[in-house]
Amino acid sequence: MFRDVIGQYEIKKHLVDMVMHNRLSHALLFLAKEGSGGLPLAIAFARYIMCEKVSGGQGTGSPSLFGEEPAEDLPSSFPPDACGACSSCSKTAALVHPDIHFSYPVIPRKPGDKPLSADFISEWRDFVAGQPYGNAYDWLQFIGAENKQGNISAHECNEIIRKLSLKSFESRHKILILWMPEYLGAEGNKLLKLIEEPPPDTLFILVAENESLILPTILSRTQLVKAPPIETIYIEQAMTEKAGISPEQARQIALIAEGNYREAQQLVGEAGDDWEGLLREWLNAILRSGPIAQVKWIEGMSKQGREKQKQFLRYFNHLLHQAIRLQVMGDHQLPLPENERDFAIRLNKMAGIAQQQAIIEELDKASYHIERNANGKMLFHALTIKLYHIIADKSLILIG
């Protein structure tokens, strides 16, 4: 249901408004970067449409999604979310509604197979239940793809056409949720006629992360619904409620995740890491303690895994952006936790905006090289020297 989707309140309202005012296209493209909730949104929207309370009952008596009746004719009790209690809601929640179909990238189980999404439906239900914010890599590993390339094949496209040509079983409407249309090759053109002239009361929902990888012929036939990264406050709240961690740890994770709930979930295991203390130690080694302290810090950081190193750099990057915003917007215009505000003020005394931007650029380069298996000790040694030269002329010891 919409209330189970983290954040994205404007998008939820927009989707409900499209239904209420009959502005719904037959083909929607939910464009949401990794961890922004594109798939949970699509499933919640399908549940809303199929809900018996929303539709006013099943069968031909229910209102058309794409009709011409004005919004004023809709009942005043038209709900902002699915009821969650009717038969349709229960089936949609379990991903067993006979009129909601799913397509997603799959792999052959053995050489020569022509796999269909339906062959993996049990795995799909388990994956969505456990990792609704997962990406394509998570899904393919979930089904044991290892190094195999996932695909939405011509065979799958033919099956989509066949399914949607059939009459609906229980509801007036039929919905296809096609997850990751980026995995459609040229064979996706088979779907063009169906998308352009679908059977009555048929809705396509494509859920994508990268618009540039979608066939232009499909892209031009869809109505774009763009979901932004999730706001930090909602990730923080979800981490506190769902992961059972402290508000302070949740805040740190939410800041590093930068709107990506999948990333936040992966960071839960690292929630005890004191990034602020580690950063304070590094900057003091650079500006005050000298080479011996620097070497000791670099030794410790080089023993961390690549993910932890990237998370640390991301956290430093976040604080620098906050420091710049603090200078530009003023102390009273930017709501920040007290410890972050204190650190940002100290960073502003240590370096000006131009210097901070130069540091951000170096941190981005370092993250890029870490992803490509750079030697951690050499990388942080070089980064330490660069940061010293950037801020040497204007320094402040960051003692807590």
Protein backbone atom coordinates (compact mmCIF):
# COMPACT_ATOMS: atom_id res chain seq x y z
CA MET A 1 0.00 0.00 0.00
CA PHE A 2 1.06 3.63 -0.42
CA ARG A 3 1.56 3.98 3.32
CA ASP A 4 4.17 1.19 3.22
CA VAL A 5 6.26 3.01 0.60
CA ILE A 6 8.97 5.10 2.23
CA GLY A 7 8.55 8.82 1.56
CA GLN A 8 7.55 9.88 -1.99
CA TYR A 9 4.40 11.66 -0.80
CA GLU A 10 4.20 13.99 -3.77
CA ILE A 11 4.39 11.05 -6.21
CA LYS A 12 1.68 9.15 -4.31
CA LYS A 13 -0.59 12.19 -4.43
CA HIS A 14 0.16 12.67 -8.14
CA LEU A 15 -0.78 9.06 -8.92
CA VAL A 16 -4.07 9.28 -7.01
CA ASP A 17 -4.86 12.60 -8.72
CA MET A 18 -4.29 11.02 -12.15
CA VAL A 19 -6.87 8.35 -11.35
CA MET A 20 -9.38 10.76 -9.83
CA HIS A 21 -9.15 13.24 -12.71
CA ASN A 22 -8.98 10.67 -15.51
CA ARG A 23 -5.52 11.73 -16.63
CA LEU A 24 -4.04 8.25 -16.51
CA SER A 25 -2.20 7.03 -19.60
CA HIS A 26 -2.36 3.39 -20.70
CA ALA A 27 1.43 3.17 -20.27
CA LEU A 28 3.35 4.70 -17.37
CA LEU A 29 7.10 4.79 -16.88
CA PHE A 30 8.11 4.97 -13.22
CA LEU A 31 11.65 6.35 -13.37
CA ALA A 32 13.36 5.98 -10.01
CA LYS A 33 17.05 5.64 -9.28
CA GLU A 34 18.27 2.66 -7.30
CA GLY A 35 16.80 2.54 -3.82
CA SER A 36 14.19 5.23 -4.50
CA GLY A 37 11.25 2.82 -4.39
CA GLY A 38 10.11 2.49 -8.00
CA LEU A 39 8.96 -1.12 -7.61
CA PRO A 40 7.15 -0.66 -4.25
CA LEU A 41 5.41 2.39 -5.74
CA ALA A 42 4.28 0.43 -8.80
CA ILE A 43 2.91 -2.43 -6.71
CA ALA A 44 1.18 -0.02 -4.32
CA PHE A 45 -0.39 1.78 -7.28
CA ALA A 46 -1.59 -1.50 -8.79
CA ARG A 47 -3.08 -2.42 -5.41
CA TYR A 48 -4.83 0.96 -5.25
CA ILE A 49 -6.35 0.51 -8.72
CA MET A 50 -7.50 -3.04 -8.03
CA CYS A 51 -8.86 -2.32 -4.54
CA GLU A 52 -12.60 -3.07 -4.40
CA LYS A 53 -13.22 -0.02 -2.23
CA VAL A 54 -11.46 2.27 -4.70
CA SER A 55 -13.02 0.76 -7.82
CA GLY A 56 -16.48 0.56 -6.29
CA GLY A 57 -16.76 -3.17 -6.84
CA GLN A 58 -15.62 -5.66 -9.41
CA GLY A 59 -16.69 -6.36 -12.95
CA THR A 60 -18.23 -4.09 -15.57
CA GLY A 61 -19.89 -1.87 -12.98
CA SER A 62 -16.57 -0.41 -11.83
CA PRO A 63 -15.42 2.90 -13.29
CA SER A 64 -12.99 2.96 -16.19
CA LEU A 65 -9.46 4.16 -15.48
CA PHE A 66 -9.28 5.85 -18.84
CA GLY A 67 -12.85 7.09 -19.23
CA GLU A 68 -14.12 10.58 -19.92
CA GLU A 69 -16.28 11.06 -16.83
CA PRO A 70 -15.31 14.23 -14.91
CA ALA A 71 -13.71 14.10 -11.50
CA GLU A 72 -16.81 15.71 -9.91
CA ASP A 73 -18.79 12.53 -10.62
CA LEU A 74 -16.48 10.41 -8.48
CA PRO A 75 -17.76 9.59 -4.98
CA SER A 76 -16.64 12.01 -2.29
CA SER A 77 -15.38 9.09 -0.23
CA PHE A 78 -12.81 8.17 -2.91
CA PRO A 79 -9.96 6.96 -0.64
CA PRO A 80 -6.32 8.10 -0.80
CA ASP A 81 -5.07 4.53 -0.42
CA ALA A 82 -6.17 0.96 -0.93
CA CYS A 83 -8.30 -0.43 1.88
CA GLY A 84 -5.90 -3.30 2.60
CA ALA A 85 -8.76 -5.56 3.67
CA CYS A 86 -10.66 -6.65 0.55
CA SER A 87 -9.97 -9.83 -1.38
CA SER A 88 -8.23 -7.93 -4.16
CA CYS A 89 -5.89 -6.15 -1.73
CA SER A 90 -4.97 -9.43 -0.06
CA LYS A 91 -4.15 -11.08 -3.39
CA THR A 92 -2.14 -8.09 -4.60
CA ALA A 93 -0.15 -8.00 -1.36
CA ALA A 94 0.79 -11.65 -1.88
CA LEU A 95 1.50 -11.03 -5.61
CA VAL A 96 -1.08 -13.64 -6.59
CA HIS A 97 -3.76 -11.43 -8.14
CA PRO A 98 -4.68 -13.11 -11.47
CA ASP A 99 -5.04 -9.76 -13.28
CA ILE A 100 -1.67 -8.30 -12.23
CA HIS A 101 1.18 -9.67 -14.30
CA PHE A 102 4.92 -9.20 -13.82
CA SER A 103 7.84 -9.27 -16.22
CA TYR A 104 11.48 -8.95 -15.16
CA PRO A 105 14.92 -10.06 -16.36
CA VAL A 106 15.60 -13.77 -15.96
CA ILE A 107 18.25 -16.34 -16.93
CA PRO A 108 18.10 -19.79 -18.55
CA ARG A 109 18.02 -22.54 -15.94
CA LYS A 110 19.95 -24.73 -18.37
CA PRO A 111 21.52 -24.26 -21.83
CA GLY A 112 18.94 -23.93 -24.59
CA ASP A 113 16.13 -22.82 -22.26
CA LYS A 114 13.79 -20.01 -23.26
CA PRO A 115 12.93 -18.76 -19.78
CA LEU A 116 9.83 -16.75 -18.92
CA SER A 117 9.28 -14.53 -15.92
CA ALA A 118 6.51 -16.89 -14.82
CA ASP A 119 9.11 -19.65 -14.41
CA PHE A 120 10.60 -17.65 -11.54
CA ILE A 121 7.38 -16.39 -9.95
CA SER A 122 7.98 -18.12 -6.59
CA GLU A 123 11.44 -16.59 -6.35
CA TRP A 124 10.02 -13.23 -7.42
CA ARG A 125 7.44 -13.23 -4.62
CA ASP A 126 10.15 -14.04 -2.07
CA PHE A 127 12.45 -11.37 -3.46
CA VAL A 128 9.81 -8.62 -3.42
CA ALA A 129 8.80 -9.61 0.12
CA GLY A 130 12.40 -9.50 1.37
CA GLN A 131 14.11 -6.92 -0.85
CA PRO A 132 11.50 -4.60 -2.39
CA TYR A 133 14.15 -1.89 -2.78
CA GLY A 134 16.70 -4.26 -4.35
CA ASN A 135 18.22 -3.67 -7.77
CA ALA A 136 18.66 -5.91 -10.79
CA TYR A 137 21.98 -7.25 -9.49
CA ASP A 138 20.32 -8.30 -6.20
CA TRP A 139 17.55 -10.06 -8.12
CA LEU A 140 19.87 -11.90 -10.48
CA GLN A 141 22.03 -13.07 -7.59
CA PHE A 142 18.86 -14.12 -5.76
CA ILE A 143 18.02 -16.53 -8.60
CA GLY A 144 21.60 -17.80 -8.85
CA ALA A 145 22.66 -15.95 -11.99
CA GLU A 146 26.26 -15.50 -10.78
CA ASN A 147 27.97 -14.15 -13.92
CA LYS A 148 25.08 -14.84 -16.30
CA GLN A 149 23.43 -11.88 -18.01
CA GLY A 150 19.76 -11.33 -17.26
CA ASN A 151 17.40 -10.69 -20.15
CA ILE A 152 13.79 -9.91 -21.07
CA SER A 153 13.59 -11.94 -24.25
CA ALA A 154 11.47 -11.98 -27.40
CA HIS A 155 9.88 -15.14 -25.98
CA GLU A 156 8.83 -13.14 -22.90
CA CYS A 157 7.44 -10.35 -25.10
CA ASN A 158 5.28 -12.88 -26.95
CA GLU A 159 4.04 -14.18 -23.60
CA ILE A 160 3.13 -10.63 -22.50
CA ILE A 161 1.11 -10.15 -25.68
CA ARG A 162 -0.66 -13.46 -25.10
CA LYS A 163 -1.50 -12.73 -21.45
CA LEU A 164 -2.87 -9.28 -22.09
CA SER A 165 -5.02 -10.47 -24.99
CA LEU A 166 -7.01 -12.64 -22.57
CA LYS A 167 -10.04 -11.41 -20.65
CA SER A 168 -9.47 -10.35 -17.06
CA PHE A 169 -10.28 -12.98 -14.44
CA GLU A 170 -11.65 -11.01 -11.50
CA SER A 171 -11.23 -7.27 -12.01
CA ARG A 172 -12.28 -5.04 -14.82
CA HIS A 173 -8.65 -3.97 -15.24
CA LYS A 174 -5.47 -5.82 -16.22
CA ILE A 175 -2.06 -4.52 -15.18
CA LEU A 176 1.40 -5.46 -16.36
CA ILE A 177 4.34 -4.33 -14.19
CA LEU A 178 7.48 -4.60 -16.30
CA TRP A 179 10.49 -4.18 -14.02
CA MET A 180 13.78 -3.09 -15.58
CA PRO A 181 12.83 -2.35 -19.22
CA GLU A 182 16.55 -1.56 -19.60
CA TYR A 183 16.93 -5.32 -20.13
CA LEU A 184 14.71 -5.23 -23.21
CA GLY A 185 16.76 -5.39 -26.37
CA ALA A 186 15.44 -4.69 -29.85
CA GLU A 187 12.91 -7.47 -29.25
CA GLY A 188 11.06 -4.98 -27.07
CA ASN A 189 9.71 -3.43 -30.28
CA LYS A 190 7.33 -6.39 -30.36
CA LEU A 191 5.40 -4.62 -27.59
CA LEU A 192 4.96 -1.30 -29.39
CA LYS A 193 1.59 -2.03 -30.98
CA LEU A 194 0.27 -3.44 -27.71
CA ILE A 195 1.44 -0.38 -25.74
CA GLU A 196 0.03 2.02 -28.34
CA GLU A 197 -3.29 0.22 -28.81
CA PRO A 198 -3.83 -1.93 -25.71
CA PRO A 199 -6.95 -3.96 -24.98
CA PRO A 200 -9.60 -2.03 -23.01
CA ASP A 201 -8.79 -1.28 -19.35
CA THR A 202 -5.20 -2.49 -19.65
CA LEU A 203 -2.44 -0.60 -17.85
CA PHE A 204 1.31 -0.92 -18.47
CA ILE A 205 3.62 0.16 -15.64
CA LEU A 206 7.30 0.14 -16.57
CA VAL A 207 9.72 0.54 -13.65
CA ALA A 208 13.19 1.72 -14.62
CA GLU A 209 16.35 3.21 -13.10
CA ASN A 210 18.15 4.50 -16.19
CA GLU A 211 16.13 6.32 -18.83
CA SER A 212 19.01 6.32 -21.35
CA LEU A 213 19.02 2.50 -21.55
CA ILE A 214 15.35 2.18 -22.52
CA LEU A 215 14.39 1.72 -26.16
CA PRO A 216 13.44 5.18 -27.51
CA THR A 217 10.45 3.66 -29.30
CA ILE A 218 9.05 2.47 -25.94
CA LEU A 219 10.07 5.61 -24.08
CA SER A 220 8.12 7.84 -26.45
CA ARG A 221 4.93 5.87 -25.84
CA THR A 222 4.87 6.17 -22.06
CA GLN A 223 3.79 8.81 -19.56
CA LEU A 224 6.77 9.64 -17.32
CA VAL A 225 6.40 9.50 -13.53
CA LYS A 226 9.74 10.53 -12.06
CA ALA A 227 10.42 9.64 -8.44
CA PRO A 228 13.22 11.60 -6.74
CA PRO A 229 15.66 10.09 -4.21
CA ILE A 230 13.97 9.53 -0.85
CA GLU A 231 14.33 12.42 1.57
CA THR A 232 16.85 11.83 4.34
CA ILE A 233 14.30 12.27 7.12
CA TYR A 234 12.16 9.39 5.80
CA ILE A 235 15.12 7.04 5.42
CA GLU A 236 16.16 7.95 8.97
CA GLN A 237 12.65 7.21 10.23
CA ALA A 238 12.45 3.89 8.33
CA MET A 239 15.85 2.81 9.66
CA THR A 240 14.78 3.53 13.23
CA GLU A 241 11.46 1.69 12.87
CA LYS A 242 12.45 -1.23 10.66
CA ALA A 243 16.10 -1.88 11.57
CA GLY A 244 15.71 -1.09 15.27
CA ILE A 245 18.82 1.09 15.46
CA SER A 246 19.31 4.27 17.45
CA PRO A 247 18.23 7.64 16.01
CA GLU A 248 21.87 8.76 15.92
CA GLN A 249 22.95 5.71 13.91
CA ALA A 250 19.92 6.04 11.66
CA ARG A 251 20.79 9.68 10.98
CA GLN A 252 24.36 8.78 10.03
CA ILE A 253 23.20 6.00 7.72
CA ALA A 254 20.54 8.20 6.10
CA LEU A 255 23.08 10.93 5.38
CA ILE A 256 25.54 8.54 3.76
CA ALA A 257 22.82 6.75 1.74
CA GLU A 258 21.82 10.00 -0.01
CA GLY A 259 18.25 8.99 -0.81
CA ASN A 260 19.03 5.34 -1.59
CA TYR A 261 17.16 3.04 0.80
CA ARG A 262 18.88 -0.05 -0.60
CA GLU A 263 22.21 1.51 0.31
CA ALA A 264 20.86 2.39 3.76
CA GLN A 265 19.89 -1.23 4.39
CA GLN A 266 23.37 -2.38 3.43
CA LEU A 267 24.88 0.18 5.79
CA VAL A 268 23.01 -1.12 8.83
CA GLY A 269 25.83 -3.53 9.59
CA GLU A 270 28.23 -0.63 9.69
CA ALA A 271 25.99 1.57 11.87
CA GLY A 272 28.38 1.39 14.81
CA ASP A 273 31.25 3.00 12.89
CA ASP A 274 32.17 6.45 14.16
CA TRP A 275 32.76 8.25 10.86
CA GLU A 276 32.87 11.64 12.55
CA GLY A 277 35.57 10.54 15.00
CA LEU A 278 37.55 8.94 12.19
CA LEU A 279 37.34 12.10 10.11
CA ARG A 280 38.35 14.28 13.05
CA GLU A 281 41.37 12.04 13.67
CA TRP A 282 42.41 12.22 9.99
CA LEU A 283 42.16 15.99 9.73
CA ASN A 284 44.09 16.47 12.98
CA ALA A 285 46.79 14.13 11.66
CA ILE A 286 46.98 16.15 8.44
CA LEU A 287 47.02 19.59 10.08
CA ARG A 288 48.63 19.07 13.46
CA SER A 289 50.08 15.69 14.38
CA GLY A 290 52.30 15.13 11.36
CA PRO A 291 53.62 12.14 9.37
CA ILE A 292 53.65 9.53 12.18
CA ALA A 293 49.95 10.05 12.97
CA GLN A 294 49.15 10.17 9.26
CA VAL A 295 50.86 6.84 8.58
CA LYS A 296 49.06 5.23 11.53
CA TRP A 297 45.68 6.50 10.31
CA ILE A 298 46.35 5.41 6.71
CA GLU A 299 47.36 1.93 7.91
CA GLY A 300 44.09 1.56 9.77
CA MET A 301 41.95 2.87 6.91
CA SER A 302 43.71 0.70 4.30
CA LYS A 303 42.64 -2.41 6.25
CA GLN A 304 38.96 -1.49 5.88
CA GLY A 305 37.00 -3.00 2.99
CA ARG A 306 36.26 -0.99 -0.13
CA GLU A 307 32.65 -0.42 0.90
CA LYS A 308 33.66 1.07 4.25
CA GLN A 309 36.24 3.28 2.54
CA LYS A 310 33.61 4.57 0.11
CA GLN A 311 31.14 5.16 2.94
CA PHE A 312 33.71 7.18 4.87
CA LEU A 313 34.49 9.35 1.83
CA ARG A 314 30.78 9.79 1.20
CA TYR A 315 30.27 10.95 4.77
CA PHE A 316 33.11 13.51 4.48
CA ASN A 317 31.62 14.65 1.17
CA HIS A 318 28.24 15.15 2.83
CA LEU A 319 29.71 17.28 5.63
CA LEU A 320 31.57 19.45 3.11
CA HIS A 321 28.35 20.06 1.16
CA GLN A 322 26.62 21.00 4.41
CA ALA A 323 29.47 23.38 5.28
CA ILE A 324 29.15 25.09 1.90
CA ARG A 325 25.38 25.38 2.29
CA LEU A 326 25.90 26.84 5.76
CA GLN A 327 28.13 29.57 4.33
CA VAL A 328 25.72 30.36 1.50
CA MET A 329 22.38 30.07 3.33
CA GLY A 330 23.39 31.27 6.78
CA ASP A 331 23.33 29.61 10.16
CA HIS A 332 19.59 29.96 10.75
CA GLN A 333 18.39 28.85 7.30
CA LEU A 334 19.83 25.32 7.36
CA PRO A 335 18.41 22.87 9.93
CA LEU A 336 21.19 20.53 11.06
CA PRO A 337 21.87 18.28 14.06
CA GLU A 338 24.06 20.07 16.58
CA ASN A 339 27.12 17.86 16.06
CA GLU A 340 26.95 18.30 12.28
CA ARG A 341 26.49 22.04 12.59
CA ASP A 342 29.52 22.24 14.88
CA PHE A 343 31.64 20.20 12.50
CA ALA A 344 30.48 22.20 9.47
CA ILE A 345 31.36 25.48 11.25
CA ARG A 346 34.84 24.12 11.99
CA LEU A 347 35.24 23.03 8.37
CA ASN A 348 34.32 26.55 7.27
CA LYS A 349 37.02 27.99 9.56
CA MET A 350 39.48 25.49 8.16
CA ALA A 351 38.80 26.07 4.45
CA GLY A 352 36.91 28.43 2.17
CA ILE A 353 34.31 27.41 -0.38
CA ALA A 354 36.85 27.08 -3.22
CA GLN A 355 39.05 24.86 -1.06
CA GLN A 356 36.09 22.73 0.03
CA GLN A 357 35.02 22.27 -3.58
CA ALA A 358 38.56 21.17 -4.43
CA ILE A 359 38.44 18.62 -1.60
CA ILE A 360 35.05 17.34 -2.80
CA GLU A 361 36.54 16.82 -6.24
CA GLU A 362 39.44 14.84 -4.78
CA LEU A 363 37.08 12.71 -2.68
CA ASP A 364 34.97 11.92 -5.76
CA LYS A 365 38.11 10.87 -7.65
CA ALA A 366 39.18 8.68 -4.73
CA SER A 367 35.76 6.96 -4.60
CA TYR A 368 35.99 6.32 -8.34
CA HIS A 369 39.39 4.66 -7.96
CA ILE A 370 38.29 2.61 -4.93
CA GLU A 371 35.47 1.14 -7.03
CA ARG A 372 38.14 0.07 -9.52
CA ASN A 373 40.22 -1.76 -6.91
CA ALA A 374 42.87 0.90 -6.26
CA ASN A 375 45.38 0.08 -3.52
CA GLY A 376 43.87 1.58 -0.36
CA LYS A 377 47.17 2.48 1.32
CA MET A 378 48.56 4.28 -1.73
CA LEU A 379 45.24 6.02 -2.40
CA PHE A 380 44.78 7.43 1.11
CA HIS A 381 48.45 8.38 1.32
CA ALA A 382 48.12 10.43 -1.88
CA LEU A 383 44.79 11.86 -0.70
CA THR A 384 46.33 12.92 2.62
CA ILE A 385 49.08 14.85 0.82
CA LYS A 386 46.56 16.50 -1.54
CA LEU A 387 44.30 17.60 1.33
CA TYR A 388 47.29 19.05 3.19
CA HIS A 389 48.25 21.19 0.20
CA ILE A 390 44.66 22.31 -0.38
CA ILE A 391 44.09 23.53 3.18
CA ALA A 392 47.64 24.23 4.43
CA ASP A 393 47.28 27.98 4.20
CA LYS A 394 44.11 28.10 6.31
CA SER A 395 43.84 25.46 8.99
CA LEU A 396 42.12 24.90 12.31
CA ILE A 397 42.73 21.93 14.58
CA LEU A 398 39.47 19.97 14.89
CA ILE A 399 39.70 18.94 18.52
CA GLY A 400 36.36 17.96 19.98
